[in-house]
Amino acid sequence: DNSSERIFKLIGGTKASLAGAGDSSWEGLNVNTPYPLTRPFDHQRRAALRSSDTLYCYDLPALFEAAVEQEWLKAAKNGSIGAGSRPLMVLYSTELVVKNANSASPDDWTIQDYLNGDLELVQVNRGAGANDVG
């Protein structure tokens, strides 16, 4: 019976404030889920750092959100804005994917498709790391 199942649900804060602690990865999981030994993308983050001394690409939206959140907090602290005017979510982001509008397989495209004007950007909602690039 799924009605008695207890699920983790985010009830405040932002994705960025939770990303540093790893808490956002619990969203939607059963409360009886075992604690993971590694967080999502830990292996990819280490590989990116080793190979090019850089950030892992999935960290960029959360880092940008954290910077925007800090600016809101500073503005509230110095009186530039009212304390209650800060939105709960300071940043919304979405993934845009290039698709071929005139093809039976929209994920396959060439530079000629681009030159012909056959490509479009399509909003895609999928979890981090669920793309087919790389």
C-alpha atoms as a PDB file:
ATOM      1  CA  ASP A   1       0.000   0.000   0.000  1.00  0.00           C
ATOM      2  CA  ASN A   2       1.712   3.227  -1.216  1.00  0.00           C
ATOM      3  CA  SER A   3      -0.551   5.526   0.831  1.00  0.00           C
ATOM      4  CA  SER A   4       1.399   4.737   4.020  1.00  0.00           C
ATOM      5  CA  GLU A   5       4.800   5.228   2.347  1.00  0.00           C
ATOM      6  CA  ARG A   6       6.809   8.133   3.796  1.00  0.00           C
ATOM      7  CA  ILE A   7       8.716  10.242   1.286  1.00  0.00           C
ATOM      8  CA  PHE A   8      11.319  12.995   1.770  1.00  0.00           C
ATOM      9  CA  LYS A   9       9.986  16.363   0.579  1.00  0.00           C
ATOM     10  CA  LEU A  10      11.752  19.723   0.386  1.00  0.00           C
ATOM     11  CA  ILE A  11       9.919  22.218   2.632  1.00  0.00           C
ATOM     12  CA  GLY A  12      11.942  25.401   2.469  1.00  0.00           C
ATOM     13  CA  GLY A  13      15.353  26.670   1.604  1.00  0.00           C
ATOM     14  CA  THR A  14      16.605  26.581  -1.943  1.00  0.00           C
ATOM     15  CA  LYS A  15      18.257  24.009  -4.141  1.00  0.00           C
ATOM     16  CA  ALA A  16      21.552  25.873  -3.765  1.00  0.00           C
ATOM     17  CA  SER A  17      21.468  26.019   0.032  1.00  0.00           C
ATOM     18  CA  LEU A  18      20.811  22.304   0.157  1.00  0.00           C
ATOM     19  CA  ALA A  19      23.291  21.355  -2.575  1.00  0.00           C
ATOM     20  CA  GLY A  20      26.289  22.052  -0.354  1.00  0.00           C
ATOM     21  CA  ALA A  21      25.036  19.620   2.269  1.00  0.00           C
ATOM     22  CA  GLY A  22      23.863  17.050  -0.269  1.00  0.00           C
ATOM     23  CA  ASP A  23      20.350  17.135   1.203  1.00  0.00           C
ATOM     24  CA  SER A  24      18.613  17.889  -2.100  1.00  0.00           C
ATOM     25  CA  SER A  25      19.487  14.398  -3.341  1.00  0.00           C
ATOM     26  CA  TRP A  26      16.984  12.948  -0.837  1.00  0.00           C
ATOM     27  CA  GLU A  27      14.001  14.676  -2.478  1.00  0.00           C
ATOM     28  CA  GLY A  28      11.321  12.111  -3.408  1.00  0.00           C
ATOM     29  CA  LEU A  29      13.071   9.124  -1.811  1.00  0.00           C
ATOM     30  CA  ASN A  30      11.508   6.835   0.775  1.00  0.00           C
ATOM     31  CA  VAL A  31      12.560   7.768   4.334  1.00  0.00           C
ATOM     32  CA  ASN A  32      13.901   4.219   4.774  1.00  0.00           C
ATOM     33  CA  THR A  33      16.415   4.666   1.921  1.00  0.00           C
ATOM     34  CA  PRO A  34      19.928   3.757   3.124  1.00  0.00           C
ATOM     35  CA  TYR A  35      22.426   6.603   3.326  1.00  0.00           C
ATOM     36  CA  PRO A  36      24.666   6.509   0.213  1.00  0.00           C
ATOM     37  CA  LEU A  37      28.416   6.128   0.588  1.00  0.00           C
ATOM     38  CA  THR A  38      28.931   8.701  -2.157  1.00  0.00           C
ATOM     39  CA  ARG A  39      26.687  11.506  -3.350  1.00  0.00           C
ATOM     40  CA  PRO A  40      25.477  11.731  -6.943  1.00  0.00           C
ATOM     41  CA  PHE A  41      28.268  12.810  -9.315  1.00  0.00           C
ATOM     42  CA  ASP A  42      31.106  12.444  -6.779  1.00  0.00           C
ATOM     43  CA  HIS A  43      33.048  10.207  -9.189  1.00  0.00           C
ATOM     44  CA  GLN A  44      32.469  12.561 -12.132  1.00  0.00           C
ATOM     45  CA  ARG A  45      33.496  15.573 -10.023  1.00  0.00           C
ATOM     46  CA  ARG A  46      36.754  13.900  -9.057  1.00  0.00           C
ATOM     47  CA  ALA A  47      37.441  12.917 -12.669  1.00  0.00           C
ATOM     48  CA  ALA A  48      36.782  16.479 -13.906  1.00  0.00           C
ATOM     49  CA  LEU A  49      39.071  17.933 -11.265  1.00  0.00           C
ATOM     50  CA  ARG A  50      41.844  15.434 -12.034  1.00  0.00           C
ATOM     51  CA  SER A  51      41.665  15.829 -15.804  1.00  0.00           C
ATOM     52  CA  SER A  52      41.465  19.590 -16.161  1.00  0.00           C
ATOM     53  CA  ASP A  53      41.421  21.272 -12.745  1.00  0.00           C
ATOM     54  CA  THR A  54      37.844  22.422 -13.376  1.00  0.00           C
ATOM     55  CA  LEU A  55      34.300  22.179 -12.014  1.00  0.00           C
ATOM     56  CA  TYR A  56      31.891  19.432 -12.976  1.00  0.00           C
ATOM     57  CA  CYS A  57      29.269  20.949 -15.296  1.00  0.00           C
ATOM     58  CA  TYR A  58      26.257  19.948 -13.141  1.00  0.00           C
ATOM     59  CA  ASP A  59      27.652  22.043 -10.287  1.00  0.00           C
ATOM     60  CA  LEU A  60      27.450  25.332 -12.220  1.00  0.00           C
ATOM     61  CA  PRO A  61      23.690  26.034 -11.849  1.00  0.00           C
ATOM     62  CA  ALA A  62      23.813  25.326  -8.103  1.00  0.00           C
ATOM     63  CA  LEU A  63      26.911  27.514  -7.674  1.00  0.00           C
ATOM     64  CA  PHE A  64      25.285  30.346  -9.629  1.00  0.00           C
ATOM     65  CA  GLU A  65      22.122  29.997  -7.533  1.00  0.00           C
ATOM     66  CA  ALA A  66      24.198  30.108  -4.342  1.00  0.00           C
ATOM     67  CA  ALA A  67      25.874  33.351  -5.519  1.00  0.00           C
ATOM     68  CA  VAL A  68      22.494  34.953  -6.330  1.00  0.00           C
ATOM     69  CA  GLU A  69      21.157  33.819  -2.958  1.00  0.00           C
ATOM     70  CA  GLN A  70      24.137  35.438  -1.196  1.00  0.00           C
ATOM     71  CA  GLU A  71      23.450  38.710  -3.022  1.00  0.00           C
ATOM     72  CA  TRP A  72      19.828  38.650  -1.812  1.00  0.00           C
ATOM     73  CA  LEU A  73      21.015  38.041   1.748  1.00  0.00           C
ATOM     74  CA  LYS A  74      23.548  40.896   1.560  1.00  0.00           C
ATOM     75  CA  ALA A  75      20.922  43.271   0.144  1.00  0.00           C
ATOM     76  CA  ALA A  76      18.490  42.367   2.938  1.00  0.00           C
ATOM     77  CA  LYS A  77      21.212  42.770   5.565  1.00  0.00           C
ATOM     78  CA  ASN A  78      22.255  46.268   4.420  1.00  0.00           C
ATOM     79  CA  GLY A  79      18.634  47.401   4.023  1.00  0.00           C
ATOM     80  CA  SER A  80      18.542  47.673   0.224  1.00  0.00           C
ATOM     81  CA  ILE A  81      15.479  45.427   0.139  1.00  0.00           C
ATOM     82  CA  GLY A  82      12.848  44.405   2.647  1.00  0.00           C
ATOM     83  CA  ALA A  83      13.461  41.141   4.483  1.00  0.00           C
ATOM     84  CA  GLY A  84      10.211  39.636   3.172  1.00  0.00           C
ATOM     85  CA  SER A  85      10.798  40.538  -0.472  1.00  0.00           C
ATOM     86  CA  ARG A  86      13.275  37.722  -1.174  1.00  0.00           C
ATOM     87  CA  PRO A  87      11.603  34.941  -3.179  1.00  0.00           C
ATOM     88  CA  LEU A  88      11.744  31.374  -1.891  1.00  0.00           C
ATOM     89  CA  MET A  89      13.464  30.250  -5.102  1.00  0.00           C
ATOM     90  CA  VAL A  90      15.984  32.830  -6.293  1.00  0.00           C
ATOM     91  CA  LEU A  91      16.770  31.015  -9.535  1.00  0.00           C
ATOM     92  CA  TYR A  92      14.910  28.681 -11.839  1.00  0.00           C
ATOM     93  CA  SER A  93      16.910  26.876 -14.506  1.00  0.00           C
ATOM     94  CA  THR A  94      15.978  24.505 -17.280  1.00  0.00           C
ATOM     95  CA  GLU A  95      17.851  22.482 -19.866  1.00  0.00           C
ATOM     96  CA  LEU A  96      17.553  23.453 -23.519  1.00  0.00           C
ATOM     97  CA  VAL A  97      18.307  20.793 -26.138  1.00  0.00           C
ATOM     98  CA  VAL A  98      18.901  21.267 -29.858  1.00  0.00           C
ATOM     99  CA  LYS A  99      16.386  19.288 -31.918  1.00  0.00           C
ATOM    100  CA  ASN A 100      15.890  18.897 -35.652  1.00  0.00           C
ATOM    101  CA  ALA A 101      12.340  20.060 -36.346  1.00  0.00           C
ATOM    102  CA  ASN A 102      12.199  18.432 -39.797  1.00  0.00           C
ATOM    103  CA  SER A 103      13.530  14.958 -39.058  1.00  0.00           C
ATOM    104  CA  ALA A 104      12.141  11.568 -38.070  1.00  0.00           C
ATOM    105  CA  SER A 105      14.971  11.394 -35.489  1.00  0.00           C
ATOM    106  CA  PRO A 106      15.047  14.884 -33.950  1.00  0.00           C
ATOM    107  CA  ASP A 107      18.147  14.175 -31.838  1.00  0.00           C
ATOM    108  CA  ASP A 108      20.273  13.613 -34.950  1.00  0.00           C
ATOM    109  CA  TRP A 109      21.344  16.766 -36.739  1.00  0.00           C
ATOM    110  CA  THR A 110      24.209  18.120 -38.812  1.00  0.00           C
ATOM    111  CA  ILE A 111      25.708  21.493 -39.569  1.00  0.00           C
ATOM    112  CA  GLN A 112      23.706  21.492 -42.803  1.00  0.00           C
ATOM    113  CA  ASP A 113      20.504  21.228 -40.747  1.00  0.00           C
ATOM    114  CA  TYR A 114      21.687  24.306 -38.856  1.00  0.00           C
ATOM    115  CA  LEU A 115      22.453  26.200 -42.070  1.00  0.00           C
ATOM    116  CA  ASN A 116      19.008  25.256 -43.437  1.00  0.00           C
ATOM    117  CA  GLY A 117      17.336  26.649 -40.294  1.00  0.00           C
ATOM    118  CA  ASP A 118      15.879  23.261 -39.325  1.00  0.00           C
ATOM    119  CA  LEU A 119      17.066  23.323 -35.697  1.00  0.00           C
ATOM    120  CA  GLU A 120      15.177  24.535 -32.655  1.00  0.00           C
ATOM    121  CA  LEU A 121      15.803  24.721 -28.918  1.00  0.00           C
ATOM    122  CA  VAL A 122      13.411  22.582 -26.889  1.00  0.00           C
ATOM    123  CA  GLN A 123      12.975  22.719 -23.112  1.00  0.00           C
ATOM    124  CA  VAL A 124      13.640  19.347 -21.495  1.00  0.00           C
ATOM    125  CA  ASN A 125      12.880  18.403 -17.890  1.00  0.00           C
ATOM    126  CA  ARG A 126      15.083  15.564 -16.716  1.00  0.00           C
ATOM    127  CA  GLY A 127      17.268  14.923 -13.725  1.00  0.00           C
ATOM    128  CA  ALA A 128      20.904  15.954 -13.586  1.00  0.00           C
ATOM    129  CA  GLY A 129      23.084  13.439 -15.359  1.00  0.00           C
ATOM    130  CA  ALA A 130      20.214  11.975 -17.370  1.00  0.00           C
ATOM    131  CA  ASN A 131      21.328  13.550 -20.632  1.00  0.00           C
ATOM    132  CA  ASP A 132      22.933  11.675 -23.510  1.00  0.00           C
ATOM    133  CA  VAL A 133      25.962  13.920 -24.016  1.00  0.00           C
ATOM    134  CA  GLY A 134      29.463  12.733 -23.202  1.00  0.00           C
END
